[in-house]
Each structure stands twice: as structure tokens, then as C-alpha cells.
C-alpha atoms as a PDB file:
ATOM      1  CA  MET A   1       0.000   0.000   0.000  1.00  0.00           C
ATOM      2  CA  PRO A   2       1.484   3.413  -0.923  1.00  0.00           C
ATOM      3  CA  VAL A   3       2.076   5.944   1.829  1.00  0.00           C
ATOM      4  CA  ASP A   4       0.380   9.344   1.559  1.00  0.00           C
ATOM      5  CA  GLN A   5       3.178  11.854   2.257  1.00  0.00           C
ATOM      6  CA  GLY A   6       0.678  14.660   2.941  1.00  0.00           C
ATOM      7  CA  TYR A   7      -1.223  12.748   5.624  1.00  0.00           C
ATOM      8  CA  GLU A   8      -0.862  14.110   9.152  1.00  0.00           C
ATOM      9  CA  ASP A   9      -2.148  12.024  12.033  1.00  0.00           C
ATOM     10  CA  ASP A  10      -3.323  14.082  15.046  1.00  0.00           C
ATOM     11  CA  ASP A  11      -1.163  11.945  17.352  1.00  0.00           C
ATOM     12  CA  GLU A  12       1.932  12.578  15.253  1.00  0.00           C
ATOM     13  CA  LYS A  13       1.510  16.357  14.881  1.00  0.00           C
ATOM     14  CA  ASP A  14       4.473  18.467  15.905  1.00  0.00           C
ATOM     15  CA  GLU A  15       3.044  20.265  18.932  1.00  0.00           C
ATOM     16  CA  SER A  16       6.101  22.464  19.278  1.00  0.00           C
ATOM     17  CA  SER A  17       5.050  24.472  16.213  1.00  0.00           C
ATOM     18  CA  GLU A  18       2.472  26.282  18.391  1.00  0.00           C
ATOM     19  CA  GLY A  19       5.145  27.683  20.717  1.00  0.00           C
ATOM     20  CA  THR A  20       3.881  29.879  23.564  1.00  0.00           C
ATOM     21  CA  ALA A  21       0.351  29.870  22.088  1.00  0.00           C
ATOM     22  CA  ARG A  22      -0.043  26.156  22.897  1.00  0.00           C
ATOM     23  CA  ARG A  23      -2.979  25.284  25.186  1.00  0.00           C
ATOM     24  CA  PHE A  24      -3.133  22.282  27.529  1.00  0.00           C
ATOM     25  CA  GLY A  25      -6.090  20.168  28.655  1.00  0.00           C
ATOM     26  CA  ASP A  26      -4.440  18.572  31.688  1.00  0.00           C
ATOM     27  CA  PHE A  27      -1.305  18.510  33.816  1.00  0.00           C
ATOM     28  CA  ASP A  28       0.425  16.283  36.345  1.00  0.00           C
ATOM     29  CA  CYS A  29       0.881  18.055  39.677  1.00  0.00           C
ATOM     30  CA  PRO A  30       4.567  18.316  40.617  1.00  0.00           C
ATOM     31  CA  GLU A  31       3.627  18.280  44.329  1.00  0.00           C
ATOM     32  CA  CYS A  32       1.389  15.183  44.550  1.00  0.00           C
ATOM     33  CA  ALA A  33       1.747  13.601  41.050  1.00  0.00           C
ATOM     34  CA  ALA A  34      -2.035  13.603  40.457  1.00  0.00           C
ATOM     35  CA  ASN A  35      -3.346  14.119  36.932  1.00  0.00           C
ATOM     36  CA  ASN A  36      -5.641  17.141  36.688  1.00  0.00           C
ATOM     37  CA  PRO A  37      -7.883  17.370  33.610  1.00  0.00           C
ATOM     38  CA  TYR A  38      -9.162  20.829  32.628  1.00  0.00           C
ATOM     39  CA  ASP A  39     -12.279  21.330  30.489  1.00  0.00           C
ATOM     40  CA  ASP A  40     -11.256  24.912  29.696  1.00  0.00           C
ATOM     41  CA  LYS A  41      -7.736  24.644  28.356  1.00  0.00           C
ATOM     42  CA  PHE A  42      -4.988  26.702  29.976  1.00  0.00           C
ATOM     43  CA  GLY A  43      -1.819  28.211  28.597  1.00  0.00           C
ATOM     44  CA  ASN A  44       0.988  30.677  29.131  1.00  0.00           C
ATOM     45  CA  GLY A  45       0.428  32.997  32.110  1.00  0.00           C
ATOM     46  CA  ASP A  46      -2.659  31.210  33.500  1.00  0.00           C
ATOM     47  CA  GLU A  47      -2.918  30.339  37.185  1.00  0.00           C
ATOM     48  CA  ILE A  48      -4.035  26.759  37.796  1.00  0.00           C
ATOM     49  CA  ARG A  49      -4.769  24.708  40.902  1.00  0.00           C
ATOM     50  CA  CYS A  50      -4.364  21.027  41.656  1.00  0.00           C
ATOM     51  CA  TYR A  51      -7.765  19.517  42.423  1.00  0.00           C
ATOM     52  CA  TYR A  52      -6.214  17.014  44.850  1.00  0.00           C
ATOM     53  CA  CYS A  53      -3.638  18.790  47.034  1.00  0.00           C
ATOM     54  CA  GLY A  54      -4.738  22.402  46.415  1.00  0.00           C
ATOM     55  CA  ALA A  55      -1.319  23.679  45.277  1.00  0.00           C
ATOM     56  CA  GLU A  56      -1.464  26.680  42.929  1.00  0.00           C
ATOM     57  CA  PHE A  57       0.842  27.117  39.952  1.00  0.00           C
ATOM     58  CA  LEU A  58       1.651  29.667  37.282  1.00  0.00           C
ATOM     59  CA  ALA A  59       1.694  27.979  33.868  1.00  0.00           C
ATOM     60  CA  MET A  60       4.552  29.026  31.616  1.00  0.00           C
ATOM     61  CA  VAL A  61       4.906  27.706  28.065  1.00  0.00           C
ATOM     62  CA  THR A  62       8.358  27.823  26.484  1.00  0.00           C
ATOM     63  CA  ASP A  63       9.038  28.857  22.888  1.00  0.00           C
ATOM     64  CA  SER A  64       9.271  25.158  22.026  1.00  0.00           C
ATOM     65  CA  GLY A  65       5.755  24.487  23.432  1.00  0.00           C
ATOM     66  CA  ARG A  66       6.739  22.759  26.707  1.00  0.00           C
ATOM     67  CA  LEU A  67       4.721  23.373  29.876  1.00  0.00           C
ATOM     68  CA  LYS A  68       6.586  24.573  32.979  1.00  0.00           C
ATOM     69  CA  LEU A  69       4.782  25.034  36.302  1.00  0.00           C
ATOM     70  CA  ARG A  70       5.947  27.473  38.980  1.00  0.00           C
ATOM     71  CA  LEU A  71       4.544  27.159  42.501  1.00  0.00           C
ATOM     72  CA  LEU A  72       2.741  30.305  43.685  1.00  0.00           C
END
């Protein structure tokens, strides 16, 4: 079967192309390691809270699209 070179699977997309505009739907808390899903996506400069331990973080997105969390 021939491979379609123009086909882009959602799972294989290069997420780093979004840079600081990238939005996230969940995060793993660095304090308690719980996964926190968010219905309203969050991104660079947003304040988020862990639903389990209550820790608050400032979300920072690097130019390469990686999420960094700073404890408030």
C-alpha cells in the first residue's frame, strides 16, 4: 500500500510548532503527582490549581511548546 506523504495524524503532529500559544487540557501536579484534567484549556500565564492537594501554579509555556509550572 502506498504511503500518503501529505497525511498528518493528530497523534503525530508536531506540537512544538504552536510555541507559547499552545494550550493544555491537563497537567500532572509536581507536588502530589495527580493528573488534573481541565475542560477549559490553559496556557501561558494562566494560574491553575491542583484539584487534589490544592497547590497553585503559574503555567509558563516555552518557545518550544513545553509546559513549565511554577509554585505560587
